[in-house]
Protein backbone atom coordinates (compact mmCIF):
# COMPACT_ATOMS: atom_id res chain seq x y z
CA MET A 1 95.50 56.30 115.43
CA PRO A 2 94.68 59.85 116.61
CA ASN A 3 93.01 60.50 119.96
CA PRO A 4 89.21 60.21 119.92
CA THR A 5 87.26 63.47 119.79
CA ILE A 6 84.00 64.80 121.15
CA LEU A 7 82.65 64.82 117.58
CA GLU A 8 83.24 61.06 117.27
CA ILE A 9 81.43 60.46 120.56
CA LYS A 10 78.56 62.71 119.47
CA SER A 11 78.27 60.96 116.13
CA ALA A 12 78.26 57.46 117.66
CA TYR A 13 75.52 58.35 120.14
CA ALA A 14 73.47 60.19 117.50
CA LYS A 15 73.50 56.98 115.45
CA PHE A 16 72.58 54.91 118.52
CA GLU A 17 69.62 57.18 119.33
CA HIS A 18 68.53 57.27 115.69
CA ASP A 19 68.59 53.46 115.51
CA LEU A 20 66.59 53.20 118.75
CA MET A 21 63.90 55.59 117.52
CA LYS A 22 63.81 53.95 114.10
CA SER A 23 62.97 50.68 115.87
CA GLY A 24 60.18 52.39 117.82
CA LYS A 25 62.09 52.84 121.10
CA LEU A 26 62.97 56.01 122.97
CA PRO A 27 66.54 56.72 124.20
CA MET A 28 65.36 56.19 127.77
CA HIS A 29 63.81 53.37 129.79
CA SER A 30 63.45 51.84 133.22
CA THR A 31 66.09 49.36 134.32
CA ASP A 32 65.84 46.84 137.16
CA VAL A 33 67.35 49.39 139.56
CA GLY A 34 66.51 52.83 138.17
CA PHE A 35 65.77 54.91 135.11
CA TRP A 36 68.16 55.55 132.21
CA HIS A 37 68.17 58.50 129.84
CA GLY A 38 71.08 59.82 127.84
CA SER A 39 72.75 63.03 128.99
CA ASN A 40 73.24 65.92 126.59
CA ILE A 41 76.74 65.42 125.19
CA ASP A 42 77.48 69.10 124.50
CA GLU A 43 76.41 70.14 128.01
CA ILE A 44 78.44 67.41 129.71
CA PHE A 45 81.52 68.24 127.61
CA GLN A 46 81.18 71.94 128.51
CA LEU A 47 80.71 71.08 132.21
CA PHE A 48 83.88 68.96 132.19
CA ARG A 49 85.82 71.79 130.54
CA GLU A 50 84.54 74.27 133.13
CA ILE A 51 85.47 72.10 136.10
CA LYS A 52 88.85 71.36 134.47
CA LEU A 53 88.35 67.60 134.60
CA ASP A 54 91.87 67.10 133.22
CA ARG A 55 93.22 68.10 136.67
CA TYR A 56 91.78 64.90 138.14
CA LYS A 57 93.37 61.44 137.94
CA ASN A 58 90.35 59.16 137.95
CA PHE A 59 86.70 59.75 137.19
CA LEU A 60 83.89 57.44 138.33
CA ASP A 61 80.40 57.53 136.80
CA LEU A 62 77.75 55.90 139.01
CA GLY A 63 74.88 54.61 136.88
CA SER A 64 76.80 55.14 133.64
CA GLY A 65 73.96 53.98 131.38
CA ASP A 66 75.04 53.82 127.74
CA GLY A 67 78.50 55.12 128.67
CA ARG A 68 78.40 58.56 127.08
CA VAL A 69 79.42 60.51 130.22
CA THR A 70 82.23 58.03 130.98
CA LEU A 71 83.51 58.27 127.40
CA ILE A 72 83.35 62.07 127.43
CA ALA A 73 85.29 62.04 130.71
CA SER A 74 87.91 59.80 129.05
CA LEU A 75 88.82 62.73 126.80
CA PHE A 76 90.12 64.44 129.97
CA THR A 77 91.25 61.67 132.34
CA SER A 78 91.04 57.97 133.14
CA SER A 79 87.39 57.05 133.60
CA THR A 80 85.26 54.22 134.94
CA GLY A 81 81.53 53.62 134.53
CA ILE A 82 79.39 51.44 136.77
CA GLU A 83 76.04 50.32 135.33
CA PHE A 84 73.63 47.56 136.37
CA ASP A 85 71.84 47.09 133.03
CA LYS A 86 73.71 44.53 130.90
CA ASN A 87 72.42 45.88 127.56
CA LEU A 88 73.53 49.42 128.38
CA VAL A 89 77.00 48.22 129.39
CA GLU A 90 77.26 46.26 126.14
CA LYS A 91 76.32 49.40 124.16
CA ALA A 92 78.92 51.44 126.09
CA GLU A 93 81.60 48.83 125.33
CA GLU A 94 80.57 48.71 121.67
CA ILE A 95 80.81 52.49 121.23
CA LYS A 96 84.09 52.59 123.17
CA SER A 97 85.49 49.99 120.78
CA ILE A 98 84.20 51.71 117.63
CA ILE A 99 85.75 55.03 118.66
CA GLY A 100 88.95 53.43 119.95
CA ILE A 101 88.93 54.81 123.48
CA LYS A 102 91.54 53.14 125.68
CA ASN A 103 91.29 54.87 129.08
CA ALA A 104 87.67 54.02 129.93
CA VAL A 105 86.48 50.91 131.77
CA PHE A 106 82.92 49.70 132.35
CA HIS A 107 81.67 47.35 135.08
CA GLN A 108 78.26 45.73 134.95
CA LYS A 109 77.12 45.80 138.59
CA ASN A 110 75.07 47.76 141.10
CA PHE A 111 77.10 50.81 142.13
CA TYR A 112 76.04 50.43 145.76
CA GLY A 113 78.42 47.45 145.86
CA HIS A 114 81.32 49.39 144.32
CA SER A 115 83.54 51.47 146.59
CA ILE A 116 84.01 55.06 145.52
CA GLU A 117 86.93 55.66 147.91
CA GLY A 118 90.08 56.85 146.22
CA HIS A 119 88.39 58.36 143.17
CA ASP A 120 89.19 62.04 142.83
CA ILE A 121 85.90 62.81 141.15
CA VAL A 122 82.58 60.96 141.12
CA PHE A 123 79.65 61.75 138.82
CA VAL A 124 76.00 60.91 139.35
CA SER A 125 72.75 61.88 137.68
CA PRO A 126 70.31 60.63 140.33
CA ASP A 127 66.81 59.43 139.51
CA SER A 128 65.51 59.57 143.10
CA PRO A 129 66.13 61.59 146.28
CA MET A 130 69.58 60.98 147.75
CA HIS A 131 68.34 60.52 151.31
CA ARG A 132 67.07 57.07 150.21
CA GLY A 133 70.58 55.66 150.56
CA LEU A 134 72.93 57.27 148.06
CA GLU A 135 73.88 60.17 150.31
CA ASN A 136 74.88 57.70 153.04
CA LYS A 137 77.28 56.06 150.57
CA PHE A 138 78.81 59.45 149.81
CA LEU A 139 79.14 60.35 153.50
CA LYS A 140 80.96 57.08 154.20
CA GLU A 141 83.07 56.69 151.06
CA LEU A 142 83.52 60.00 149.21
CA THR A 143 87.15 61.13 149.44
CA GLY A 144 87.22 63.36 146.34
CA LYS A 145 84.69 65.61 144.67
CA LEU A 146 81.14 64.74 143.64
CA ILE A 147 79.40 66.12 140.55
CA VAL A 148 75.61 65.92 140.73
CA ASN A 149 74.05 66.47 137.32
CA SER A 150 70.36 67.06 137.99
CA PRO A 151 67.87 69.87 138.50
CA HIS A 152 66.64 68.00 141.61
CA PHE A 153 67.86 65.28 144.00
CA HIS A 154 70.97 66.94 145.41
CA PRO A 155 72.60 65.94 148.70
CA THR A 156 71.72 67.83 151.84
CA LEU A 157 74.62 66.71 154.06
CA LEU A 158 77.57 67.35 151.71
CA MET A 159 79.19 70.75 151.19
CA LYS A 160 78.43 72.44 147.88
CA GLU A 161 81.52 74.07 146.39
CA LYS A 162 80.27 75.32 143.06
CA GLU A 163 77.25 75.20 140.79
CA PHE A 164 76.85 75.40 137.05
CA TRP A 165 73.99 76.24 134.72
CA ILE A 166 74.71 75.11 131.19
CA ASN A 167 71.68 75.95 129.07
CA ASP A 168 68.85 74.61 131.27
CA ASN A 169 70.99 71.88 132.84
CA PHE A 170 71.99 72.30 136.49
CA SER A 171 75.02 70.63 138.03
CA ALA A 172 76.87 71.18 141.29
CA VAL A 173 80.18 70.05 142.76
CA TYR A 174 80.23 68.80 146.36
CA ARG A 175 82.75 67.51 148.85
CA ASN A 176 82.45 65.48 152.00
CA ALA A 177 82.70 67.64 155.11
CA ILE A 178 83.80 64.59 157.11
CA GLN A 179 87.44 64.23 156.09
CA THR A 180 88.57 61.68 158.70
CA PRO A 181 88.26 58.13 157.29
CA SER A 182 87.51 56.52 160.67
CA LEU A 183 84.70 59.00 161.33
CA ARG A 184 83.22 58.37 157.87
CA LYS A 185 83.21 54.59 158.31
CA ASN A 186 81.55 54.80 161.74
CA LEU A 187 78.58 56.89 160.62
CA LEU A 188 75.29 55.42 161.78
CA ILE A 189 73.21 57.24 159.19
């Protein structure tokens, strides 16, 4: 079986969104811990090409929703998605299976309870300001790069390395300025 392609991912999610709308639902909704909406597949694929995601060993998507970003990342590297909403994780697993993607894994859990240490690149599309807790997690655990895909809600205590505008979508890559593991763990923030 040939390697999955971006066109197969796009097609599977177009069908998913079409089926949702046909049943009177939008491809977005509140979950018990946040808000889900599907990312633009073409923009995410272009972003991953621009940052040369294939140079990284393991990709982690925090709040992976329906799995599209994790599956796009799997075209470049090994990828993991963490999502709290059971139905969204089931949809991600279903699409992964239909397409035949082997190097993506999904976990149904709250990402605050999942360590991000050791991942070369972490992705998040935050739905609230980071100072409400997420930035503390990054300060204590981030050992690789962080991609924030959002026009708002960027960290204020991490170092921005690069930013990208793809159409009207803003993303930036950050790193943790605190490189010493013992200092990171002892933060009282």
